[in-house]
């Protein structure tokens, strides 16, 4: 099953496990092979961002930052 861009998180709560929630970033683990709405492949983590900007420290690669603007999202890899 693929997530759509307008999916309701509560409809999929039984398929996702909440890992963390800072208020600006909520992270969920995909427990049921839900498909990515962008590429249709199963994903491991889902991040829901409510803030305008967020930085992610180095994890398995280079750190990156996201900036949400009115018409797009900017991704910067460092």
N, C-alpha and C. Protein backbone atom coordinates (compact mmCIF):
# COMPACT_ATOMS: atom_id res chain seq x y z
N UNK A 1 0.85 -1.18 0.00
CA UNK A 1 0.00 0.00 0.00
C UNK A 1 0.90 1.23 0.00
N UNK A 2 0.62 2.15 -0.89
CA UNK A 2 1.40 3.38 -0.97
C UNK A 2 0.72 4.50 -0.20
N UNK A 3 1.54 5.30 0.45
CA UNK A 3 1.00 6.51 1.08
C UNK A 3 0.78 7.54 -0.02
N UNK A 4 -0.25 8.32 0.11
CA UNK A 4 -0.49 9.41 -0.83
C UNK A 4 -0.08 10.71 -0.14
N UNK A 5 0.20 11.76 -0.92
CA UNK A 5 0.63 13.01 -0.30
C UNK A 5 -0.38 13.56 0.72
N UNK A 6 -1.65 13.23 0.59
CA UNK A 6 -2.66 13.75 1.51
C UNK A 6 -3.10 12.71 2.55
N UNK A 7 -2.22 11.71 2.83
CA UNK A 7 -2.61 10.65 3.75
C UNK A 7 -2.84 11.20 5.16
N UNK A 8 -3.69 10.52 5.89
CA UNK A 8 -3.99 10.87 7.28
C UNK A 8 -3.19 9.91 8.17
N UNK A 9 -2.29 10.46 8.96
CA UNK A 9 -1.42 9.65 9.81
C UNK A 9 -2.23 8.70 10.69
N UNK A 10 -3.35 9.15 11.19
CA UNK A 10 -4.16 8.31 12.08
C UNK A 10 -4.73 7.08 11.38
N UNK A 11 -4.91 7.16 10.07
CA UNK A 11 -5.39 5.99 9.32
C UNK A 11 -4.32 4.90 9.23
N UNK A 12 -3.05 5.27 9.44
CA UNK A 12 -1.94 4.32 9.29
C UNK A 12 -1.19 4.07 10.60
N UNK A 13 -1.74 4.50 11.74
CA UNK A 13 -1.05 4.37 13.03
C UNK A 13 -0.69 2.92 13.36
N UNK A 14 -1.51 1.96 12.98
CA UNK A 14 -1.21 0.56 13.27
C UNK A 14 -0.06 0.02 12.42
N UNK A 15 0.31 0.72 11.36
CA UNK A 15 1.40 0.29 10.49
C UNK A 15 2.71 1.03 10.78
N UNK A 16 2.65 2.03 11.65
CA UNK A 16 3.81 2.86 11.97
C UNK A 16 4.04 2.87 13.47
N UNK A 17 5.31 2.91 13.87
CA UNK A 17 5.65 3.02 15.29
C UNK A 17 6.34 4.37 15.50
N UNK A 18 5.82 5.18 16.41
CA UNK A 18 6.43 6.47 16.68
C UNK A 18 7.76 6.27 17.40
N UNK A 19 8.83 6.87 16.85
CA UNK A 19 10.16 6.77 17.41
C UNK A 19 10.48 8.00 18.26
N UNK A 20 10.09 9.18 17.77
CA UNK A 20 10.32 10.43 18.51
C UNK A 20 9.40 11.52 18.01
N UNK A 21 9.26 12.56 18.83
CA UNK A 21 8.45 13.72 18.46
C UNK A 21 8.96 14.92 19.25
N UNK A 22 9.55 15.88 18.53
CA UNK A 22 10.09 17.08 19.17
C UNK A 22 9.11 18.24 19.13
N UNK A 23 7.99 18.07 18.49
CA UNK A 23 7.05 19.16 18.28
C UNK A 23 7.16 19.70 16.87
N UNK A 24 8.40 19.80 16.34
CA UNK A 24 8.63 20.22 14.96
C UNK A 24 8.90 19.05 14.03
N UNK A 25 9.40 17.95 14.59
CA UNK A 25 9.73 16.76 13.79
C UNK A 25 9.23 15.52 14.51
N UNK A 26 8.37 14.76 13.84
CA UNK A 26 7.91 13.47 14.36
C UNK A 26 8.50 12.38 13.46
N UNK A 27 9.06 11.34 14.07
CA UNK A 27 9.70 10.26 13.33
C UNK A 27 8.96 8.95 13.64
N UNK A 28 8.66 8.20 12.59
CA UNK A 28 7.94 6.94 12.71
C UNK A 28 8.71 5.85 11.98
N UNK A 29 8.66 4.63 12.50
CA UNK A 29 9.22 3.45 11.86
C UNK A 29 8.12 2.78 11.07
N UNK A 30 8.43 2.38 9.85
CA UNK A 30 7.48 1.69 8.98
C UNK A 30 7.49 0.21 9.35
N UNK A 31 6.41 -0.28 9.95
CA UNK A 31 6.33 -1.67 10.39
C UNK A 31 5.59 -2.57 9.41
N UNK A 32 5.11 -2.01 8.30
CA UNK A 32 4.25 -2.80 7.41
C UNK A 32 4.58 -2.60 5.93
N UNK A 33 5.82 -2.22 5.62
CA UNK A 33 6.26 -2.02 4.22
C UNK A 33 5.38 -1.07 3.43
N UNK A 34 4.90 -0.02 4.09
CA UNK A 34 4.19 1.02 3.35
C UNK A 34 5.12 1.59 2.28
N UNK A 35 4.57 1.96 1.15
CA UNK A 35 5.37 2.47 0.04
C UNK A 35 5.49 3.99 0.10
N UNK A 36 6.64 4.46 -0.30
CA UNK A 36 6.92 5.90 -0.36
C UNK A 36 6.02 6.57 -1.39
N UNK A 37 5.43 7.73 -1.06
CA UNK A 37 4.57 8.41 -2.03
C UNK A 37 5.36 9.01 -3.19
N UNK A 38 6.69 9.15 -3.06
CA UNK A 38 7.49 9.73 -4.14
C UNK A 38 8.00 8.67 -5.12
N UNK A 39 8.48 7.51 -4.61
CA UNK A 39 9.11 6.53 -5.50
C UNK A 39 8.44 5.16 -5.47
N UNK A 40 7.47 4.94 -4.58
CA UNK A 40 6.71 3.69 -4.45
C UNK A 40 7.49 2.52 -3.86
N UNK A 41 8.73 2.74 -3.42
CA UNK A 41 9.49 1.68 -2.75
C UNK A 41 9.19 1.74 -1.25
N UNK A 42 9.24 0.62 -0.54
CA UNK A 42 9.06 0.66 0.91
C UNK A 42 10.14 1.53 1.55
N UNK A 43 9.77 2.23 2.60
CA UNK A 43 10.72 3.09 3.31
C UNK A 43 10.87 2.58 4.73
N UNK A 44 11.97 2.98 5.40
CA UNK A 44 12.18 2.52 6.77
C UNK A 44 11.68 3.53 7.79
N UNK A 45 11.84 4.81 7.52
CA UNK A 45 11.42 5.85 8.47
C UNK A 45 10.59 6.91 7.76
N UNK A 46 9.63 7.44 8.48
CA UNK A 46 8.79 8.54 8.00
C UNK A 46 9.02 9.72 8.94
N UNK A 47 9.35 10.87 8.39
CA UNK A 47 9.51 12.09 9.18
C UNK A 47 8.44 13.07 8.77
N UNK A 48 7.74 13.61 9.74
CA UNK A 48 6.74 14.63 9.47
C UNK A 48 7.25 15.92 10.10
N UNK A 49 7.46 16.92 9.25
CA UNK A 49 8.02 18.20 9.67
C UNK A 49 6.94 19.26 9.70
N UNK A 50 6.79 19.93 10.83
CA UNK A 50 5.81 21.00 10.90
C UNK A 50 6.47 22.36 10.96
N UNK A 51 7.75 22.41 11.30
CA UNK A 51 8.48 23.67 11.34
C UNK A 51 8.91 24.08 9.94
N UNK A 52 9.37 25.29 9.81
CA UNK A 52 9.79 25.79 8.50
C UNK A 52 11.18 25.30 8.13
N UNK A 53 12.05 25.08 9.13
CA UNK A 53 13.40 24.61 8.84
C UNK A 53 13.83 23.59 9.88
N UNK A 54 14.68 22.66 9.42
CA UNK A 54 15.18 21.62 10.32
C UNK A 54 16.54 21.16 9.80
N UNK A 55 17.44 20.81 10.71
CA UNK A 55 18.75 20.26 10.37
C UNK A 55 18.87 18.87 10.96
N UNK A 56 19.44 17.95 10.18
CA UNK A 56 19.64 16.59 10.62
C UNK A 56 21.13 16.34 10.73
N UNK A 57 21.61 15.89 11.87
CA UNK A 57 23.04 15.63 12.01
C UNK A 57 23.44 14.42 11.19
N UNK A 58 24.73 14.22 11.09
CA UNK A 58 25.25 13.08 10.35
C UNK A 58 24.71 11.79 10.94
N UNK A 59 24.28 10.89 10.10
CA UNK A 59 23.75 9.61 10.53
C UNK A 59 24.48 8.52 9.75
N UNK A 60 24.00 8.17 8.60
CA UNK A 60 24.67 7.20 7.74
C UNK A 60 25.38 7.88 6.58
N UNK A 61 25.43 9.16 6.60
CA UNK A 61 26.05 9.92 5.52
C UNK A 61 26.27 11.34 5.97
N UNK A 62 26.25 12.25 5.03
CA UNK A 62 26.45 13.65 5.35
C UNK A 62 25.22 14.24 6.00
N UNK A 63 25.41 15.21 6.92
CA UNK A 63 24.24 15.89 7.49
C UNK A 63 23.53 16.68 6.40
N UNK A 64 22.25 16.96 6.63
CA UNK A 64 21.52 17.78 5.66
C UNK A 64 20.52 18.67 6.37
N UNK A 65 20.11 19.72 5.67
CA UNK A 65 19.14 20.68 6.18
C UNK A 65 18.01 20.82 5.18
N UNK A 66 16.80 21.03 5.70
CA UNK A 66 15.63 21.28 4.87
C UNK A 66 15.05 22.63 5.22
N UNK A 67 14.62 23.35 4.21
CA UNK A 67 13.93 24.63 4.39
C UNK A 67 12.66 24.58 3.55
N UNK A 68 11.51 24.70 4.22
CA UNK A 68 10.24 24.69 3.50
C UNK A 68 9.89 26.13 3.16
N UNK A 69 9.66 26.37 1.88
CA UNK A 69 9.24 27.70 1.42
C UNK A 69 7.80 27.60 0.94
N UNK A 70 7.22 28.71 0.53
CA UNK A 70 5.82 28.70 0.11
C UNK A 70 5.56 27.72 -1.03
N UNK A 71 6.46 27.67 -2.02
CA UNK A 71 6.20 26.87 -3.22
C UNK A 71 7.11 25.66 -3.37
N UNK A 72 8.07 25.47 -2.46
CA UNK A 72 8.98 24.34 -2.60
C UNK A 72 9.70 24.03 -1.31
N UNK A 73 10.54 23.01 -1.36
CA UNK A 73 11.38 22.62 -0.22
C UNK A 73 12.82 22.61 -0.71
N UNK A 74 13.72 23.22 0.06
CA UNK A 74 15.14 23.26 -0.28
C UNK A 74 15.86 22.23 0.59
N UNK A 75 16.68 21.37 -0.02
CA UNK A 75 17.48 20.38 0.68
C UNK A 75 18.94 20.72 0.46
N UNK A 76 19.71 20.86 1.55
CA UNK A 76 21.14 21.13 1.47
C UNK A 76 21.89 19.98 2.15
N UNK A 77 22.74 19.28 1.38
CA UNK A 77 23.63 18.25 1.94
C UNK A 77 24.94 18.92 2.31
N UNK A 78 25.51 18.58 3.43
CA UNK A 78 26.76 19.20 3.88
C UNK A 78 27.89 18.20 3.86
